[in-house]
Amino acid sequence: MVTKGTTVDQMVFINLPVADLDRAVAFYEALGYATNPEFTDETAACMIVSDTVYVMLLTHAKFQEFTDKAIADPGTIEVINSLSAASKDEVHRIVDAAVMNGGDEDRPEVDLGVMYQRSFTDPDGHRWEYVWMDQQAMGGAAGQGGTADE
């Protein structure tokens, strides 16, 4: 719970169904993410994106334990996962690694000067966007934590 006037580092867990767990783990490791062995077994793998963001790769059977709804067809869009990057170079490194390891850069880059983004889909069809923003040009507010009353 966040109370007015305080900040909390909220953790984010992005749960994704995957057809081939080993392939998915190899893909995300190629992007530079580490596997957390404490939350990894033959049905799931926890990939560490940052101190507060984790991707849970779940076999279809494991994913279905959390929902009664059907898993989205990989050819459709379910959600767009957008993450910030520290620089344009980091955007390029991650998206280029994704493409070299089975991902598909599905849209052209967007360069607005103060914001730059590229996107890809992973081998299971999950959409990712990596965005860099020029904090100085944007007044330092974008992507910064704040208080509940700001």
Foldseek 3Di string as FASTA:
>chain_A
DADFPDFDLAAEEAEDEDQDAVLVVVLVVLLVWDWDVVPDDPAWIWTDPDPRYIYIYGYLVRVCVVDVDDHDQLVDADDEAEDEDADVVSQCSNVVSQVVSAKAFDDDWDCPPQKTKTWIAHNSNYIYMYMYGNCVVVVNPPPDTDGPVD
